[in-house]
Structure formats: structure tokens, C-alpha cells
Amino acid sequence: MPVNPYQKYKQQSVMTMTQGEMLVGLYDEIIKQCNGAIMYMEENNVSKTNEALLRSQRVLTHLRSTLNFKYDIANNLDALYEYFNRRLVEANIHKDKKPIEEIIPMVTDLRDAYAQAERLTRT
């Protein structure tokens, strides 16, 4: 089977990312999927809405699984991730975009903080 050049490039770029870049990428994916879920809700596409919200939840579950609880901040992040997850479940059950719109700015703030930290560690 021929190798897709885009897939190969994507795989290589992931393999060369720093941990900070990966973390920012995960937050980007949550934001992307949440925005997609809102769009799908507006189109009344229930299955695509569900799929986007489940993808967001999977990323949050992954982020929670990587927390190192020997650092105090891990407990705070765990609580935030749990809250985000709960709001996404509520949005999915009720097909209501308000919980998603509520968490997007918070996820964006976290993403921006990690992006800034990543830039600072490189200088």
C-alpha cells in the first residue's frame, strides 16, 4: 500500500515535537472539536455533534492520565479537566452549545499559558 506523503509528514512532525508543543496541540484539538460540535449543533447534525464532543472528551481523558500528582498543580488541572468533561457531557445530552461556549475560553487560556511557557523555555 503506498504511503500517503501527508500522513508521513504528520507522523514525523509529531515525533519531533517537544512536550510543550504536544500539550499545546492537544488543547488545540479540544478547541477545534468543541467549535466543530457547536457548528454541528447549529446544523442539527446529532451524530457529528456527538462525535466531536466524544473526541474532545478523549483528549481530556488523555490529559488527565498524564498528570503527575507529586506536583500541586496536577490536582487543580485534574479538577478543571473533570469540570470540562462534565460540561461536555451535559452539552451532548441536552444538545446545548452553552456549556461548550463556556469552556472554550478556559481551554484557550490554558492553551495560551502553555504556549507562552513553551516559548519561554526555548529562549
PDB file of N, CA and C in Angstrom:
ATOM      1  N   MET A   1       0.850  -1.175   0.000  1.00  0.00           N
ATOM      2  CA  MET A   1       0.000   0.000   0.000  1.00  0.00           C
ATOM      3  C   MET A   1       0.899   1.242   0.000  1.00  0.00           C
ATOM      4  N   PRO A   2       0.670   2.198  -0.906  1.00  0.00           N
ATOM      5  CA  PRO A   2       1.514   3.396  -0.972  1.00  0.00           C
ATOM      6  C   PRO A   2       1.332   4.260   0.275  1.00  0.00           C
ATOM      7  N   VAL A   3       2.425   4.897   0.666  1.00  0.00           N
ATOM      8  CA  VAL A   3       2.409   5.756   1.841  1.00  0.00           C
ATOM      9  C   VAL A   3       1.916   7.139   1.428  1.00  0.00           C
ATOM     10  N   ASN A   4       0.949   7.640   2.181  1.00  0.00           N
ATOM     11  CA  ASN A   4       0.433   8.980   1.958  1.00  0.00           C
ATOM     12  C   ASN A   4       1.483   9.980   2.448  1.00  0.00           C
ATOM     13  N   PRO A   5       1.988  10.856   1.580  1.00  0.00           N
ATOM     14  CA  PRO A   5       3.044  11.798   1.989  1.00  0.00           C
ATOM     15  C   PRO A   5       2.606  12.710   3.132  1.00  0.00           C
ATOM     16  N   TYR A   6       1.344  13.115   3.135  1.00  0.00           N
ATOM     17  CA  TYR A   6       0.856  13.975   4.215  1.00  0.00           C
ATOM     18  C   TYR A   6       0.889  13.234   5.548  1.00  0.00           C
ATOM     19  N   GLN A   7       0.459  11.962   5.535  1.00  0.00           N
ATOM     20  CA  GLN A   7       0.464  11.163   6.761  1.00  0.00           C
ATOM     21  C   GLN A   7       1.888  10.980   7.276  1.00  0.00           C
ATOM     22  N   LYS A   8       2.816  10.758   6.357  1.00  0.00           N
ATOM     23  CA  LYS A   8       4.218  10.591   6.749  1.00  0.00           C
ATOM     24  C   LYS A   8       4.758  11.878   7.365  1.00  0.00           C
ATOM     25  N   TYR A   9       4.447  13.021   6.740  1.00  0.00           N
ATOM     26  CA  TYR A   9       4.872  14.319   7.266  1.00  0.00           C
ATOM     27  C   TYR A   9       4.271  14.559   8.649  1.00  0.00           C
ATOM     28  N   LYS A  10       2.990  14.268   8.782  1.00  0.00           N
ATOM     29  CA  LYS A  10       2.303  14.471  10.055  1.00  0.00           C
ATOM     30  C   LYS A  10       2.933  13.614  11.149  1.00  0.00           C
ATOM     31  N   GLN A  11       3.224  12.360  10.826  1.00  0.00           N
ATOM     32  CA  GLN A  11       3.842  11.463  11.797  1.00  0.00           C
ATOM     33  C   GLN A  11       5.218  11.980  12.211  1.00  0.00           C
ATOM     34  N   GLN A  12       6.016  12.431  11.245  1.00  0.00           N
ATOM     35  CA  GLN A  12       7.342  12.952  11.559  1.00  0.00           C
ATOM     36  C   GLN A  12       7.261  14.214  12.406  1.00  0.00           C
ATOM     37  N   SER A  13       6.297  15.087  12.115  1.00  0.00           N
ATOM     38  CA  SER A  13       6.191  16.321  12.881  1.00  0.00           C
ATOM     39  C   SER A  13       5.799  16.030  14.328  1.00  0.00           C
ATOM     40  N   VAL A  14       4.951  15.042  14.540  1.00  0.00           N
ATOM     41  CA  VAL A  14       4.578  14.660  15.900  1.00  0.00           C
ATOM     42  C   VAL A  14       5.776  14.062  16.631  1.00  0.00           C
ATOM     43  N   MET A  15       6.559  13.275  15.927  1.00  0.00           N
ATOM     44  CA  MET A  15       7.702  12.616  16.553  1.00  0.00           C
ATOM     45  C   MET A  15       8.794  13.613  16.965  1.00  0.00           C
ATOM     46  N   THR A  16       8.823  14.781  16.337  1.00  0.00           N
ATOM     47  CA  THR A  16       9.862  15.759  16.656  1.00  0.00           C
ATOM     48  C   THR A  16       9.354  16.891  17.553  1.00  0.00           C
ATOM     49  N   MET A  17       8.110  16.819  17.990  1.00  0.00           N
ATOM     50  CA  MET A  17       7.554  17.857  18.863  1.00  0.00           C
ATOM     51  C   MET A  17       8.139  17.756  20.268  1.00  0.00           C
ATOM     52  N   THR A  18       8.253  18.913  20.903  1.00  0.00           N
ATOM     53  CA  THR A  18       8.593  18.918  22.325  1.00  0.00           C
ATOM     54  C   THR A  18       7.333  18.585  23.111  1.00  0.00           C
ATOM     55  N   GLN A  19       7.498  18.295  24.396  1.00  0.00           N
ATOM     56  CA  GLN A  19       6.326  18.006  25.231  1.00  0.00           C
ATOM     57  C   GLN A  19       5.379  19.203  25.287  1.00  0.00           C
ATOM     58  N   GLY A  20       5.955  20.407  25.329  1.00  0.00           N
ATOM     59  CA  GLY A  20       5.133  21.609  25.345  1.00  0.00           C
ATOM     60  C   GLY A  20       4.330  21.770  24.074  1.00  0.00           C
ATOM     61  N   GLU A  21       4.954  21.493  22.944  1.00  0.00           N
ATOM     62  CA  GLU A  21       4.248  21.585  21.667  1.00  0.00           C
ATOM     63  C   GLU A  21       3.129  20.547  21.584  1.00  0.00           C
ATOM     64  N   MET A  22       3.375  19.357  22.108  1.00  0.00           N
ATOM     65  CA  MET A  22       2.331  18.331  22.108  1.00  0.00           C
ATOM     66  C   MET A  22       1.148  18.763  22.971  1.00  0.00           C
ATOM     67  N   LEU A  23       1.460  19.335  24.121  1.00  0.00           N
ATOM     68  CA  LEU A  23       0.404  19.790  25.022  1.00  0.00           C
ATOM     69  C   LEU A  23      -0.438  20.881  24.362  1.00  0.00           C
ATOM     70  N   VAL A  24       0.217  21.829  23.732  1.00  0.00           N
ATOM     71  CA  VAL A  24      -0.500  22.893  23.017  1.00  0.00           C
ATOM     72  C   VAL A  24      -1.350  22.281  21.901  1.00  0.00           C
ATOM     73  N   GLY A  25      -0.808  21.300  21.205  1.00  0.00           N
ATOM     74  CA  GLY A  25      -1.558  20.619  20.153  1.00  0.00           C
ATOM     75  C   GLY A  25      -2.799  19.911  20.674  1.00  0.00           C
ATOM     76  N   LEU A  26      -2.701  19.326  21.853  1.00  0.00           N
ATOM     77  CA  LEU A  26      -3.865  18.667  22.447  1.00  0.00           C
ATOM     78  C   LEU A  26      -4.947  19.682  22.799  1.00  0.00           C
ATOM     79  N   TYR A  27      -4.541  20.805  23.365  1.00  0.00           N
ATOM     80  CA  TYR A  27      -5.510  21.869  23.650  1.00  0.00           C
ATOM     81  C   TYR A  27      -6.128  22.391  22.354  1.00  0.00           C
ATOM     82  N   ASP A  28      -5.309  22.549  21.317  1.00  0.00           N
ATOM     83  CA  ASP A  28      -5.837  22.981  20.022  1.00  0.00           C
ATOM     84  C   ASP A  28      -6.903  22.013  19.518  1.00  0.00           C
ATOM     85  N   GLU A  29      -6.657  20.730  19.710  1.00  0.00           N
ATOM     86  CA  GLU A  29      -7.617  19.719  19.260  1.00  0.00           C
ATOM     87  C   GLU A  29      -8.928  19.821  20.033  1.00  0.00           C
ATOM     88  N   ILE A  30      -8.857  20.055  21.337  1.00  0.00           N
ATOM     89  CA  ILE A  30     -10.089  20.228  22.129  1.00  0.00           C
ATOM     90  C   ILE A  30     -10.877  21.415  21.591  1.00  0.00           C
ATOM     91  N   ILE A  31     -10.195  22.529  21.377  1.00  0.00           N
ATOM     92  CA  ILE A  31     -10.851  23.748  20.884  1.00  0.00           C
ATOM     93  C   ILE A  31     -11.467  23.496  19.508  1.00  0.00           C
ATOM     94  N   LYS A  32     -10.718  22.833  18.639  1.00  0.00           N
ATOM     95  CA  LYS A  32     -11.210  22.529  17.290  1.00  0.00           C
ATOM     96  C   LYS A  32     -12.468  21.665  17.354  1.00  0.00           C
ATOM     97  N   GLN A  33     -12.434  20.620  18.162  1.00  0.00           N
ATOM     98  CA  GLN A  33     -13.577  19.715  18.263  1.00  0.00           C
ATOM     99  C   GLN A  33     -14.784  20.405  18.903  1.00  0.00           C
ATOM    100  N   CYS A  34     -14.534  21.247  19.895  1.00  0.00           N
ATOM    101  CA  CYS A  34     -15.643  21.984  20.529  1.00  0.00           C
ATOM    102  C   CYS A  34     -16.293  22.942  19.538  1.00  0.00           C
ATOM    103  N   ASN A  35     -15.484  23.657  18.786  1.00  0.00           N
ATOM    104  CA  ASN A  35     -16.045  24.558  17.762  1.00  0.00           C
ATOM    105  C   ASN A  35     -16.807  23.765  16.705  1.00  0.00           C
ATOM    106  N   GLY A  36     -16.281  22.605  16.352  1.00  0.00           N
ATOM    107  CA  GLY A  36     -16.989  21.745  15.406  1.00  0.00           C
ATOM    108  C   GLY A  36     -18.320  21.284  15.961  1.00  0.00           C
ATOM    109  N   ALA A  37     -18.350  20.924  17.244  1.00  0.00           N
ATOM    110  CA  ALA A  37     -19.596  20.471  17.869  1.00  0.00           C
ATOM    111  C   ALA A  37     -20.648  21.576  17.835  1.00  0.00           C
ATOM    112  N   ILE A  38     -20.229  22.808  18.094  1.00  0.00           N
ATOM    113  CA  ILE A  38     -21.173  23.934  18.030  1.00  0.00           C
ATOM    114  C   ILE A  38     -21.726  24.073  16.610  1.00  0.00           C
ATOM    115  N   MET A  39     -20.841  24.002  15.629  1.00  0.00           N
ATOM    116  CA  MET A  39     -21.269  24.113  14.240  1.00  0.00           C
ATOM    117  C   MET A  39     -22.258  22.990  13.888  1.00  0.00           C
ATOM    118  N   TYR A  40     -21.929  21.756  14.305  1.00  0.00           N
ATOM    119  CA  TYR A  40     -22.815  20.629  14.007  1.00  0.00           C
ATOM    120  C   TYR A  40     -24.157  20.767  14.716  1.00  0.00           C
ATOM    121  N   MET A  41     -24.146  21.313  15.929  1.00  0.00           N
ATOM    122  CA  MET A  41     -25.419  21.541  16.634  1.00  0.00           C
ATOM    123  C   MET A  41     -26.289  22.512  15.847  1.00  0.00           C
ATOM    124  N   GLU A  42     -25.650  23.566  15.351  1.00  0.00           N
ATOM    125  CA  GLU A  42     -26.394  24.564  14.583  1.00  0.00           C
ATOM    126  C   GLU A  42     -26.953  23.973  13.297  1.00  0.00           C
ATOM    127  N   GLU A  43     -26.304  22.941  12.780  1.00  0.00           N
ATOM    128  CA  GLU A  43     -26.786  22.251  11.573  1.00  0.00           C
ATOM    129  C   GLU A  43     -27.733  21.102  11.921  1.00  0.00           C
ATOM    130  N   ASN A  44     -27.982  20.893  13.203  1.00  0.00           N
ATOM    131  CA  ASN A  44     -28.817  19.782  13.689  1.00  0.00           C
ATOM    132  C   ASN A  44     -28.269  18.418  13.281  1.00  0.00           C
ATOM    133  N   ASN A  45     -26.962  18.301  13.217  1.00  0.00           N
ATOM    134  CA  ASN A  45     -26.319  17.035  12.878  1.00  0.00           C
ATOM    135  C   ASN A  45     -25.911  16.354  14.195  1.00  0.00           C
ATOM    136  N   VAL A  46     -26.797  15.540  14.709  1.00  0.00           N
ATOM    137  CA  VAL A  46     -26.624  14.921  16.023  1.00  0.00           C
ATOM    138  C   VAL A  46     -25.422  13.985  16.060  1.00  0.00           C
ATOM    139  N   SER A  47     -25.234  13.184  15.028  1.00  0.00           N
ATOM    140  CA  SER A  47     -24.132  12.214  15.070  1.00  0.00           C
ATOM    141  C   SER A  47     -22.770  12.903  15.017  1.00  0.00           C
ATOM    142  N   LYS A  48     -22.628  13.927  14.191  1.00  0.00           N
ATOM    143  CA  LYS A  48     -21.357  14.661  14.117  1.00  0.00           C
ATOM    144  C   LYS A  48     -21.108  15.440  15.404  1.00  0.00           C
ATOM    145  N   THR A  49     -22.163  15.983  16.000  1.00  0.00           N
ATOM    146  CA  THR A  49     -22.033  16.674  17.284  1.00  0.00           C
ATOM    147  C   THR A  49     -21.489  15.708  18.323  1.00  0.00           C
ATOM    148  N   ASN A  50     -22.105  14.545  18.408  1.00  0.00           N
ATOM    149  CA  ASN A  50     -21.692  13.524  19.364  1.00  0.00           C
ATOM    150  C   ASN A  50     -20.231  13.131  19.131  1.00  0.00           C
ATOM    151  N   GLU A  51     -19.879  12.919  17.885  1.00  0.00           N
ATOM    152  CA  GLU A  51     -18.513  12.508  17.541  1.00  0.00           C
ATOM    153  C   GLU A  51     -17.490  13.564  17.973  1.00  0.00           C
ATOM    154  N   ALA A  52     -17.768  14.827  17.702  1.00  0.00           N
ATOM    155  CA  ALA A  52     -16.839  15.905  18.063  1.00  0.00           C
ATOM    156  C   ALA A  52     -16.700  16.021  19.585  1.00  0.00           C
ATOM    157  N   LEU A  53     -17.808  15.916  20.285  1.00  0.00           N
ATOM    158  CA  LEU A  53     -17.748  16.015  21.745  1.00  0.00           C
ATOM    159  C   LEU A  53     -17.014  14.824  22.353  1.00  0.00           C
ATOM    160  N   LEU A  54     -17.225  13.646  21.812  1.00  0.00           N
ATOM    161  CA  LEU A  54     -16.511  12.469  22.306  1.00  0.00           C
ATOM    162  C   LEU A  54     -15.009  12.581  22.057  1.00  0.00           C
ATOM    163  N   ARG A  55     -14.628  13.147  20.928  1.00  0.00           N
ATOM    164  CA  ARG A  55     -13.200  13.353  20.652  1.00  0.00           C
ATOM    165  C   ARG A  55     -12.601  14.320  21.672  1.00  0.00           C
ATOM    166  N   SER A  56     -13.319  15.389  21.968  1.00  0.00           N
ATOM    167  CA  SER A  56     -12.846  16.332  22.985  1.00  0.00           C
ATOM    168  C   SER A  56     -12.670  15.625  24.325  1.00  0.00           C
ATOM    169  N   GLN A  57     -13.628  14.802  24.672  1.00  0.00           N
ATOM    170  CA  GLN A  57     -13.567  14.076  25.943  1.00  0.00           C
ATOM    171  C   GLN A  57     -12.390  13.102  25.972  1.00  0.00           C
ATOM    172  N   ARG A  58     -12.103  12.470  24.859  1.00  0.00           N
ATOM    173  CA  ARG A  58     -10.959  11.549  24.816  1.00  0.00           C
ATOM    174  C   ARG A  58      -9.646  12.298  25.050  1.00  0.00           C
ATOM    175  N   VAL A  59      -9.522  13.487  24.485  1.00  0.00           N
ATOM    176  CA  VAL A  59      -8.309  14.276  24.707  1.00  0.00           C
ATOM    177  C   VAL A  59      -8.216  14.677  26.174  1.00  0.00           C
ATOM    178  N   LEU A  60      -9.327  15.091  26.761  1.00  0.00           N
ATOM    179  CA  LEU A  60      -9.316  15.442  28.188  1.00  0.00           C
ATOM    180  C   LEU A  60      -8.944  14.243  29.046  1.00  0.00           C
ATOM    181  N   THR A  61      -9.451  13.082  28.705  1.00  0.00           N
ATOM    182  CA  THR A  61      -9.113  11.857  29.444  1.00  0.00           C
ATOM    183  C   THR A  61      -7.619  11.581  29.329  1.00  0.00           C
ATOM    184  N   HIS A  62      -7.068  11.776  28.148  1.00  0.00           N
ATOM    185  CA  HIS A  62      -5.624  11.586  27.972  1.00  0.00           C
ATOM    186  C   HIS A  62      -4.843  12.586  28.818  1.00  0.00           C
ATOM    187  N   LEU A  63      -5.246  13.844  28.785  1.00  0.00           N
ATOM    188  CA  LEU A  63      -4.557  14.855  29.591  1.00  0.00           C
ATOM    189  C   LEU A  63      -4.602  14.492  31.079  1.00  0.00           C
ATOM    190  N   ARG A  64      -5.755  14.039  31.538  1.00  0.00           N
ATOM    191  CA  ARG A  64      -5.873  13.643  32.954  1.00  0.00           C
ATOM    192  C   ARG A  64      -4.953  12.468  33.266  1.00  0.00           C
ATOM    193  N   SER A  65      -4.811  11.544  32.330  1.00  0.00           N
ATOM    194  CA  SER A  65      -4.000  10.350  32.584  1.00  0.00           C
ATOM    195  C   SER A  65      -2.509  10.656  32.649  1.00  0.00           C
ATOM    196  N   THR A  66      -2.118  11.816  32.127  1.00  0.00           N
ATOM    197  CA  THR A  66      -0.694  12.157  32.114  1.00  0.00           C
ATOM    198  C   THR A  66      -0.282  13.071  33.269  1.00  0.00           C
ATOM    199  N   LEU A  67      -1.230  13.438  34.126  1.00  0.00           N
ATOM    200  CA  LEU A  67      -0.902  14.331  35.243  1.00  0.00           C
ATOM    201  C   LEU A  67       0.014  13.641  36.243  1.00  0.00           C
ATOM    202  N   ASN A  68       0.960  14.404  36.757  1.00  0.00           N
ATOM    203  CA  ASN A  68       1.893  13.904  37.772  1.00  0.00           C
ATOM    204  C   ASN A  68       1.485  14.528  39.111  1.00  0.00           C
ATOM    205  N   PHE A  69       0.862  13.737  39.955  1.00  0.00           N
ATOM    206  CA  PHE A  69       0.270  14.254  41.185  1.00  0.00           C
ATOM    207  C   PHE A  69       1.283  14.542  42.288  1.00  0.00           C
ATOM    208  N   LYS A  70       2.558  14.414  42.005  1.00  0.00           N
ATOM    209  CA  LYS A  70       3.528  14.838  43.010  1.00  0.00           C
ATOM    210  C   LYS A  70       3.675  16.363  42.989  1.00  0.00           C
ATOM    211  N   TYR A  71       3.077  17.012  41.980  1.00  0.00           N
ATOM    212  CA  TYR A  71       3.051  18.469  41.894  1.00  0.00           C
ATOM    213  C   TYR A  71       1.643  18.958  42.233  1.00  0.00           C
ATOM    214  N   ASP A  72       1.566  20.003  43.042  1.00  0.00           N
ATOM    215  CA  ASP A  72       0.269  20.515  43.496  1.00  0.00           C
ATOM    216  C   ASP A  72      -0.654  20.923  42.357  1.00  0.00           C
ATOM    217  N   ILE A  73      -0.090  21.466  41.294  1.00  0.00           N
ATOM    218  CA  ILE A  73      -0.918  21.951  40.185  1.00  0.00           C
ATOM    219  C   ILE A  73      -1.704  20.823  39.516  1.00  0.00           C
ATOM    220  N   ALA A  74      -1.222  19.612  39.626  1.00  0.00           N
ATOM    221  CA  ALA A  74      -1.905  18.480  38.997  1.00  0.00           C
ATOM    222  C   ALA A  74      -3.323  18.325  39.542  1.00  0.00           C
ATOM    223  N   ASN A  75      -3.501  18.544  40.844  1.00  0.00           N
ATOM    224  CA  ASN A  75      -4.847  18.440  41.429  1.00  0.00           C
ATOM    225  C   ASN A  75      -5.773  19.499  40.846  1.00  0.00           C
ATOM    226  N   ASN A  76      -5.253  20.707  40.659  1.00  0.00           N
ATOM    227  CA  ASN A  76      -6.065  21.776  40.082  1.00  0.00           C
ATOM    228  C   ASN A  76      -6.415  21.473  38.629  1.00  0.00           C
ATOM    229  N   LEU A  77      -5.443  21.003  37.869  1.00  0.00           N
ATOM    230  CA  LEU A  77      -5.704  20.650  36.471  1.00  0.00           C
ATOM    231  C   LEU A  77      -6.684  19.493  36.371  1.00  0.00           C
ATOM    232  N   ASP A  78      -6.544  18.517  37.260  1.00  0.00           N
ATOM    233  CA  ASP A  78      -7.453  17.379  37.260  1.00  0.00           C
ATOM    234  C   ASP A  78      -8.889  17.842  37.482  1.00  0.00           C
ATOM    235  N   ALA A  79      -9.067  18.752  38.438  1.00  0.00           N
ATOM    236  CA  ALA A  79     -10.407  19.281  38.710  1.00  0.00           C
ATOM    237  C   ALA A  79     -10.947  20.049  37.502  1.00  0.00           C
ATOM    238  N   LEU A  80     -10.090  20.829  36.860  1.00  0.00           N
ATOM    239  CA  LEU A  80     -10.511  21.561  35.658  1.00  0.00           C
ATOM    240  C   LEU A  80     -10.895  20.611  34.536  1.00  0.00           C
ATOM    241  N   TYR A  81     -10.069  19.604  34.287  1.00  0.00           N
ATOM    242  CA  TYR A  81     -10.365  18.642  33.223  1.00  0.00           C
ATOM    243  C   TYR A  81     -11.670  17.902  33.507  1.00  0.00           C
ATOM    244  N   GLU A  82     -11.888  17.559  34.759  1.00  0.00           N
ATOM    245  CA  GLU A  82     -13.137  16.883  35.134  1.00  0.00           C
ATOM    246  C   GLU A  82     -14.329  17.814  34.885  1.00  0.00           C
ATOM    247  N   TYR A  83     -14.182  19.077  35.244  1.00  0.00           N
ATOM    248  CA  TYR A  83     -15.248  20.050  35.009  1.00  0.00           C
ATOM    249  C   TYR A  83     -15.524  20.195  33.514  1.00  0.00           C
ATOM    250  N   PHE A  84     -14.472  20.327  32.710  1.00  0.00           N
ATOM    251  CA  PHE A  84     -14.646  20.438  31.263  1.00  0.00           C
ATOM    252  C   PHE A  84     -15.386  19.213  30.726  1.00  0.00           C
ATOM    253  N   ASN A  85     -14.962  18.057  31.170  1.00  0.00           N
ATOM    254  CA  ASN A  85     -15.584  16.811  30.720  1.00  0.00           C
ATOM    255  C   ASN A  85     -17.067  16.779  31.085  1.00  0.00           C
ATOM    256  N   ARG A  86     -17.381  17.155  32.313  1.00  0.00           N
ATOM    257  CA  ARG A  86     -18.774  17.149  32.768  1.00  0.00           C
ATOM    258  C   ARG A  86     -19.623  18.099  31.921  1.00  0.00           C
ATOM    259  N   ARG A  87     -19.088  19.274  31.609  1.00  0.00           N
ATOM    260  CA  ARG A  87     -19.821  20.243  30.799  1.00  0.00           C
ATOM    261  C   ARG A  87     -20.034  19.707  29.370  1.00  0.00           C
ATOM    262  N   LEU A  88     -19.043  18.995  28.847  1.00  0.00           N
ATOM    263  CA  LEU A  88     -19.200  18.415  27.510  1.00  0.00           C
ATOM    264  C   LEU A  88     -20.262  17.319  27.502  1.00  0.00           C
ATOM    265  N   VAL A  89     -20.301  16.531  28.567  1.00  0.00           N
ATOM    266  CA  VAL A  89     -21.339  15.501  28.676  1.00  0.00           C
ATOM    267  C   VAL A  89     -22.718  16.163  28.719  1.00  0.00           C
ATOM    268  N   GLU A  90     -22.840  17.222  29.512  1.00  0.00           N
ATOM    269  CA  GLU A  90     -24.120  17.940  29.595  1.00  0.00           C
ATOM    270  C   GLU A  90     -24.515  18.503  28.230  1.00  0.00           C
ATOM    271  N   ALA A  91     -23.547  19.086  27.543  1.00  0.00           N
ATOM    272  CA  ALA A  91     -23.826  19.636  26.212  1.00  0.00           C
ATOM    273  C   ALA A  91     -24.306  18.542  25.269  1.00  0.00           C
ATOM    274  N   ASN A  92     -23.691  17.385  25.360  1.00  0.00           N
ATOM    275  CA  ASN A  92     -24.044  16.277  24.474  1.00  0.00           C
ATOM    276  C   ASN A  92     -25.427  15.726  24.806  1.00  0.00           C
ATOM    277  N   ILE A  93     -25.711  15.570  26.067  1.00  0.00           N
ATOM    278  CA  ILE A  93     -27.017  15.024  26.468  1.00  0.00           C
ATOM    279  C   ILE A  93     -28.144  15.953  26.046  1.00  0.00           C
ATOM    280  N   HIS A  94     -27.965  17.239  26.304  1.00  0.00           N
ATOM    281  CA  HIS A  94     -29.032  18.210  26.059  1.00  0.00           C
ATOM    282  C   HIS A  94     -28.949  18.884  24.687  1.00  0.00           C
ATOM    283  N   LYS A  95     -27.889  18.550  23.928  1.00  0.00           N
ATOM    284  CA  LYS A  95     -27.637  19.191  22.629  1.00  0.00           C
ATOM    285  C   LYS A  95     -27.734  20.712  22.794  1.00  0.00           C
ATOM    286  N   ASP A  96     -26.968  21.188  23.783  1.00  0.00           N
ATOM    287  CA  ASP A  96     -26.942  22.604  24.148  1.00  0.00           C
ATOM    288  C   ASP A  96     -25.515  23.117  23.991  1.00  0.00           C
ATOM    289  N   LYS A  97     -25.340  24.173  23.228  1.00  0.00           N
ATOM    290  CA  LYS A  97     -23.997  24.684  22.974  1.00  0.00           C
ATOM    291  C   LYS A  97     -23.471  25.583  24.087  1.00  0.00           C
ATOM    292  N   LYS A  98     -24.316  26.019  25.010  1.00  0.00           N
ATOM    293  CA  LYS A  98     -23.874  26.932  26.073  1.00  0.00           C
ATOM    294  C   LYS A  98     -22.741  26.354  26.926  1.00  0.00           C
ATOM    295  N   PRO A  99     -22.803  25.088  27.356  1.00  0.00           N
ATOM    296  CA  PRO A  99     -21.673  24.550  28.133  1.00  0.00           C
ATOM    297  C   PRO A  99     -20.362  24.528  27.338  1.00  0.00           C
ATOM    298  N   ILE A 100     -20.469  24.302  26.048  1.00  0.00           N
ATOM    299  CA  ILE A 100     -19.265  24.287  25.206  1.00  0.00           C
ATOM    300  C   ILE A 100     -18.704  25.698  25.096  1.00  0.00           C
ATOM    301  N   GLU A 101     -19.597  26.648  24.857  1.00  0.00           N
ATOM    302  CA  GLU A 101     -19.173  28.045  24.755  1.00  0.00           C
ATOM    303  C   GLU A 101     -18.569  28.543  26.067  1.00  0.00           C
ATOM    304  N   GLU A 102     -19.008  27.971  27.170  1.00  0.00           N
ATOM    305  CA  GLU A 102     -18.471  28.333  28.479  1.00  0.00           C
ATOM    306  C   GLU A 102     -17.028  27.861  28.652  1.00  0.00           C
ATOM    307  N   ILE A 103     -16.729  26.650  28.200  1.00  0.00           N
ATOM    308  CA  ILE A 103     -15.390  26.111  28.469  1.00  0.00           C
ATOM    309  C   ILE A 103     -14.344  26.492  27.429  1.00  0.00           C
ATOM    310  N   ILE A 104     -14.763  26.839  26.214  1.00  0.00           N
ATOM    311  CA  ILE A 104     -13.775  27.169  25.172  1.00  0.00           C
ATOM    312  C   ILE A 104     -12.813  28.271  25.632  1.00  0.00           C
ATOM    313  N   PRO A 105     -13.293  29.376  26.216  1.00  0.00           N
ATOM    314  CA  PRO A 105     -12.330  30.399  26.657  1.00  0.00           C
ATOM    315  C   PRO A 105     -11.370  29.901  27.737  1.00  0.00           C
ATOM    316  N   MET A 106     -11.842  29.023  28.604  1.00  0.00           N
ATOM    317  CA  MET A 106     -10.977  28.478  29.654  1.00  0.00           C
ATOM    318  C   MET A 106      -9.904  27.570  29.056  1.00  0.00           C
ATOM    319  N   VAL A 107     -10.299  26.725  28.122  1.00  0.00           N
ATOM    320  CA  VAL A 107      -9.335  25.845  27.453  1.00  0.00           C
ATOM    321  C   VAL A 107      -8.339  26.695  26.663  1.00  0.00           C
ATOM    322  N   THR A 108      -8.838  27.748  26.032  1.00  0.00           N
ATOM    323  CA  THR A 108      -7.972  28.647  25.265  1.00  0.00           C
ATOM    324  C   THR A 108      -6.958  29.332  26.178  1.00  0.00           C
ATOM    325  N   ASP A 109      -7.389  29.753  27.357  1.00  0.00           N
ATOM    326  CA  ASP A 109      -6.466  30.369  28.318  1.00  0.00           C
ATOM    327  C   ASP A 109      -5.368  29.395  28.733  1.00  0.00           C
ATOM    328  N   LEU A 110      -5.743  28.144  29.000  1.00  0.00           N
ATOM    329  CA  LEU A 110      -4.748  27.126  29.349  1.00  0.00           C
ATOM    330  C   LEU A 110      -3.789  26.903  28.183  1.00  0.00           C
ATOM    331  N   ARG A 111      -4.340  26.801  26.996  1.00  0.00           N
ATOM    332  CA  ARG A 111      -3.526  26.599  25.803  1.00  0.00           C
ATOM    333  C   ARG A 111      -2.519  27.740  25.638  1.00  0.00           C
ATOM    334  N   ASP A 112      -3.002  28.968  25.800  1.00  0.00           N
ATOM    335  CA  ASP A 112      -2.129  30.131  25.640  1.00  0.00           C
ATOM    336  C   ASP A 112      -1.037  30.168  26.709  1.00  0.00           C
ATOM    337  N   ALA A 113      -1.389  29.782  27.923  1.00  0.00           N
ATOM    338  CA  ALA A 113      -0.390  29.756  29.001  1.00  0.00           C
ATOM    339  C   ALA A 113       0.709  28.740  28.695  1.00  0.00           C
ATOM    340  N   TYR A 114       0.331  27.559  28.223  1.00  0.00           N
ATOM    341  CA  TYR A 114       1.325  26.547  27.877  1.00  0.00           C
ATOM    342  C   TYR A 114       2.139  26.952  26.650  1.00  0.00           C
ATOM    343  N   ALA A 115       1.500  27.625  25.701  1.00  0.00           N
ATOM    344  CA  ALA A 115       2.237  28.094  24.517  1.00  0.00           C
ATOM    345  C   ALA A 115       3.278  29.130  24.932  1.00  0.00           C
ATOM    346  N   GLN A 116       2.907  30.012  25.839  1.00  0.00           N
ATOM    347  CA  GLN A 116       3.855  31.016  26.323  1.00  0.00           C
ATOM    348  C   GLN A 116       4.995  30.359  27.098  1.00  0.00           C
ATOM    349  N   ALA A 117       4.657  29.387  27.933  1.00  0.00           N
ATOM    350  CA  ALA A 117       5.692  28.673  28.682  1.00  0.00           C
ATOM    351  C   ALA A 117       6.641  27.949  27.734  1.00  0.00           C
ATOM    352  N   GLU A 118       6.085  27.366  26.685  1.00  0.00           N
ATOM    353  CA  GLU A 118       6.914  26.674  25.693  1.00  0.00           C
ATOM    354  C   GLU A 118       7.874  27.651  25.018  1.00  0.00           C
ATOM    355  N   ARG A 119       7.379  28.821  24.659  1.00  0.00           N
ATOM    356  CA  ARG A 119       8.244  29.833  24.025  1.00  0.00           C
ATOM    357  C   ARG A 119       9.338  30.276  24.990  1.00  0.00           C
ATOM    358  N   LEU A 120       8.993  30.473  26.257  1.00  0.00           N
ATOM    359  CA  LEU A 120       9.967  30.928  27.244  1.00  0.00           C
ATOM    360  C   LEU A 120      11.054  29.881  27.501  1.00  0.00           C
ATOM    361  N   THR A 121      10.696  28.605  27.463  1.00  0.00           N
ATOM    362  CA  THR A 121      11.692  27.561  27.697  1.00  0.00           C
ATOM    363  C   THR A 121      12.658  27.431  26.529  1.00  0.00           C
ATOM    364  N   ARG A 122      12.247  27.882  25.361  1.00  0.00           N
ATOM    365  CA  ARG A 122      13.110  27.802  24.183  1.00  0.00           C
ATOM    366  C   ARG A 122      14.113  28.942  24.123  1.00  0.00           C
ATOM    367  N   THR A 123      13.826  30.038  24.848  1.00  0.00           N
ATOM    368  CA  THR A 123      14.731  31.200  24.790  1.00  0.00           C
ATOM    369  C   THR A 123      15.729  31.180  25.918  1.00  0.00           C
TER     370      THR A 123
END
